[in-house]
C-alpha atoms as a PDB file:
ATOM      1  CA  MET A   1      32.485 117.196 105.007  1.00  0.00           C
ATOM      2  CA  SER A   2      33.166 116.501 108.633  1.00  0.00           C
ATOM      3  CA  PRO A   3      36.552 117.325 110.129  1.00  0.00           C
ATOM      4  CA  ALA A   4      37.205 113.625 110.756  1.00  0.00           C
ATOM      5  CA  LYS A   5      36.720 112.788 107.064  1.00  0.00           C
ATOM      6  CA  LYS A   6      39.020 115.680 106.040  1.00  0.00           C
ATOM      7  CA  ALA A   7      41.712 114.404 108.388  1.00  0.00           C
ATOM      8  CA  ALA A   8      41.303 110.889 106.995  1.00  0.00           C
ATOM      9  CA  LYS A   9      41.697 112.165 103.418  1.00  0.00           C
ATOM     10  CA  LYS A  10      44.860 114.117 104.347  1.00  0.00           C
ATOM     11  CA  THR A  11      46.317 111.038 105.991  1.00  0.00           C
ATOM     12  CA  ALA A  12      45.473 108.954 102.918  1.00  0.00           C
ATOM     13  CA  LYS A  13      47.082 111.540 100.623  1.00  0.00           C
ATOM     14  CA  LYS A  14      50.232 111.640 102.771  1.00  0.00           C
ATOM     15  CA  ALA A  15      50.418 107.856 102.793  1.00  0.00           C
ATOM     16  CA  GLY A  16      50.043 107.844  98.998  1.00  0.00           C
ATOM     17  CA  LYS A  17      52.815 110.423  98.630  1.00  0.00           C
ATOM     18  CA  LYS A  18      55.107 108.449 100.934  1.00  0.00           C
ATOM     19  CA  ALA A  19      54.454 105.291  98.958  1.00  0.00           C
ATOM     20  CA  ALA A  20      55.197 107.143  95.731  1.00  0.00           C
ATOM     21  CA  LYS A  21      58.438 108.442  97.202  1.00  0.00           C
ATOM     22  CA  LYS A  22      59.468 104.997  98.426  1.00  0.00           C
ATOM     23  CA  ALA A  23      58.922 103.330  95.063  1.00  0.00           C
ATOM     24  CA  PRO A  24      61.838 105.084  93.343  1.00  0.00           C
ATOM     25  CA  ALA A  25      64.024 104.322  96.351  1.00  0.00           C
ATOM     26  CA  LYS A  26      63.390 100.618  95.822  1.00  0.00           C
ATOM     27  CA  LYS A  27      64.365 100.933  92.181  1.00  0.00           C
ATOM     28  CA  THR A  28      67.525 102.765  93.181  1.00  0.00           C
ATOM     29  CA  ALA A  29      68.345 100.041  95.675  1.00  0.00           C
ATOM     30  CA  LYS A  30      67.859  97.413  92.992  1.00  0.00           C
ATOM     31  CA  LYS A  31      70.146  99.308  90.621  1.00  0.00           C
ATOM     32  CA  ALA A  32      72.754  99.667  93.349  1.00  0.00           C
ATOM     33  CA  ALA A  33      72.530  95.945  94.053  1.00  0.00           C
ATOM     34  CA  LYS A  34      73.111  95.191  90.393  1.00  0.00           C
ATOM     35  CA  LYS A  35      76.122  97.520  90.246  1.00  0.00           C
ATOM     36  CA  ALA A  36      77.696  96.217  93.462  1.00  0.00           C
ATOM     37  CA  PRO A  37      79.168  93.005  91.969  1.00  0.00           C
ATOM     38  CA  ALA A  38      80.912  95.040  89.284  1.00  0.00           C
ATOM     39  CA  ARG A  39      82.648  97.039  91.983  1.00  0.00           C
ATOM     40  CA  LYS A  40      83.717  93.887  93.774  1.00  0.00           C
ATOM     41  CA  LYS A  41      85.259  92.519  90.609  1.00  0.00           C
ATOM     42  CA  THR A  42      87.174  95.751  90.121  1.00  0.00           C
ATOM     43  CA  ALA A  43      88.429  95.605  93.705  1.00  0.00           C
ATOM     44  CA  LYS A  44      89.497  92.003  93.244  1.00  0.00           C
ATOM     45  CA  LYS A  45      91.379  92.862  90.056  1.00  0.00           C
ATOM     46  CA  ALA A  46      93.143  95.723  91.811  1.00  0.00           C
ATOM     47  CA  ALA A  47      94.123  93.424  94.670  1.00  0.00           C
ATOM     48  CA  LYS A  48      95.529  90.874  92.219  1.00  0.00           C
ATOM     49  CA  LYS A  49      97.569  93.551  90.449  1.00  0.00           C
ATOM     50  CA  THR A  50      98.954  94.781  93.757  1.00  0.00           C
ATOM     51  CA  ALA A  51      99.840  91.230  94.761  1.00  0.00           C
ATOM     52  CA  LYS A  52     101.600  90.653  91.445  1.00  0.00           C
ATOM     53  CA  LYS A  53     103.620  93.838  91.835  1.00  0.00           C
ATOM     54  CA  ALA A  54     104.597  92.894  95.376  1.00  0.00           C
ATOM     55  CA  GLY A  55     105.628  89.441  94.170  1.00  0.00           C
ATOM     56  CA  GLU A  56     107.804  90.891  91.435  1.00  0.00           C
ATOM     57  CA  ARG A  57     109.588  93.215  93.837  1.00  0.00           C
ATOM     58  CA  GLY A  58     109.723  90.779  96.700  1.00  0.00           C
ATOM     59  CA  SER A  59     108.653  91.838 100.126  1.00  0.00           C
ATOM     60  CA  ALA A  60     110.128  95.221 100.972  1.00  0.00           C
ATOM     61  CA  VAL A  61     111.754  95.530 104.364  1.00  0.00           C
ATOM     62  CA  VAL A  62     113.077  99.043 103.783  1.00  0.00           C
ATOM     63  CA  VAL A  63     110.892 102.103 103.203  1.00  0.00           C
ATOM     64  CA  THR A  64     111.980 103.935 100.054  1.00  0.00           C
ATOM     65  CA  SER A  65     110.836 107.367 101.183  1.00  0.00           C
ATOM     66  CA  LYS A  66     112.831 107.086 104.423  1.00  0.00           C
ATOM     67  CA  VAL A  67     115.989 106.061 102.569  1.00  0.00           C
ATOM     68  CA  ARG A  68     115.514 108.908 100.099  1.00  0.00           C
ATOM     69  CA  ALA A  69     115.075 111.384 102.976  1.00  0.00           C
ATOM     70  CA  ALA A  70     118.217 110.123 104.729  1.00  0.00           C
ATOM     71  CA  ILE A  71     120.281 110.433 101.554  1.00  0.00           C
ATOM     72  CA  ALA A  72     118.858 113.867 100.726  1.00  0.00           C
ATOM     73  CA  GLY A  73     119.651 114.963 104.300  1.00  0.00           C
ATOM     74  CA  GLN A  74     123.311 114.400 103.485  1.00  0.00           C
ATOM     75  CA  GLY A  75     123.005 116.535 100.361  1.00  0.00           C
ATOM     76  CA  LEU A  76     123.353 113.568  98.012  1.00  0.00           C
ATOM     77  CA  ARG A  77     121.281 111.983  95.278  1.00  0.00           C
ATOM     78  CA  MET A  78     120.052 108.406  95.239  1.00  0.00           C
ATOM     79  CA  ASP A  79     120.491 105.793  92.514  1.00  0.00           C
ATOM     80  CA  SER A  80     117.282 104.016  91.522  1.00  0.00           C
ATOM     81  CA  ARG A  81     118.689 100.610  92.524  1.00  0.00           C
ATOM     82  CA  LEU A  82     119.961 101.650  95.956  1.00  0.00           C
ATOM     83  CA  VAL A  83     116.813 100.716  97.872  1.00  0.00           C
ATOM     84  CA  GLU A  84     116.748  97.297  96.223  1.00  0.00           C
ATOM     85  CA  ALA A  85     120.371  96.657  97.276  1.00  0.00           C
ATOM     86  CA  ILE A  86     119.720  97.849 100.826  1.00  0.00           C
ATOM     87  CA  ASN A  87     116.638  95.650 101.001  1.00  0.00           C
ATOM     88  CA  GLN A  88     118.663  92.589  99.934  1.00  0.00           C
ATOM     89  CA  ARG A  89     121.359  93.267 102.533  1.00  0.00           C
ATOM     90  CA  VAL A  90     118.842  93.786 105.332  1.00  0.00           C
ATOM     91  CA  THR A  91     116.984  90.610 104.352  1.00  0.00           C
ATOM     92  CA  GLU A  92     120.265  88.634 104.443  1.00  0.00           C
ATOM     93  CA  MET A  93     121.109  90.100 107.846  1.00  0.00           C
ATOM     94  CA  LEU A  94     117.692  89.172 109.227  1.00  0.00           C
ATOM     95  CA  ARG A  95     117.946  85.603 107.897  1.00  0.00           C
ATOM     96  CA  ALA A  96     121.376  85.189 109.485  1.00  0.00           C
ATOM     97  CA  ALA A  97     120.161  86.642 112.766  1.00  0.00           C
ATOM     98  CA  GLY A  98     117.171  84.292 112.745  1.00  0.00           C
ATOM     99  CA  SER A  99     119.319  81.233 112.157  1.00  0.00           C
ATOM    100  CA  ARG A 100     121.717  82.310 114.936  1.00  0.00           C
ATOM    101  CA  ALA A 101     118.794  82.679 117.351  1.00  0.00           C
ATOM    102  CA  ARG A 102     117.536  79.173 116.397  1.00  0.00           C
ATOM    103  CA  GLU A 103     121.024  77.712 116.898  1.00  0.00           C
ATOM    104  CA  ASN A 104     121.011  79.165 120.404  1.00  0.00           C
ATOM    105  CA  ARG A 105     117.556  77.641 121.000  1.00  0.00           C
ATOM    106  CA  ARG A 106     115.806  80.982 121.263  1.00  0.00           C
ATOM    107  CA  GLY A 107     112.545  82.135 119.719  1.00  0.00           C
ATOM    108  CA  THR A 108     113.564  85.794 119.899  1.00  0.00           C
ATOM    109  CA  VAL A 109     116.018  87.553 117.621  1.00  0.00           C
ATOM    110  CA  ARG A 110     118.159  89.915 119.659  1.00  0.00           C
ATOM    111  CA  PRO A 111     120.454  92.782 118.590  1.00  0.00           C
ATOM    112  CA  HIS A 112     123.595  90.754 119.253  1.00  0.00           C
ATOM    113  CA  ASP A 113     122.380  88.194 116.659  1.00  0.00           C
ATOM    114  CA  LEU A 114     123.121  90.752 113.974  1.00  0.00           C
END
């Protein structure tokens, strides 16, 4: 055989091997595409659960870990309902400050509104 024919055969073999390697990749891509919607549904369910939990608690203004650290820094323990009570007080203060700013025809809540 001539060297040109040998080179052509090698190229054909390589092309055949590449095609054989690509075929399973297509199957894998198809499988991944089929599995993708299941993941989206799971993500949506998780988002709904998180939203429900947030709705039950209300929107938190105070960070629990920061309150716990401040209380522990004083050498004290924290009741489980403390953060909830602090959150309610802060929310009331912010509402009052917002209404005071509106009464004074301002769009900015300032420290003296508290």
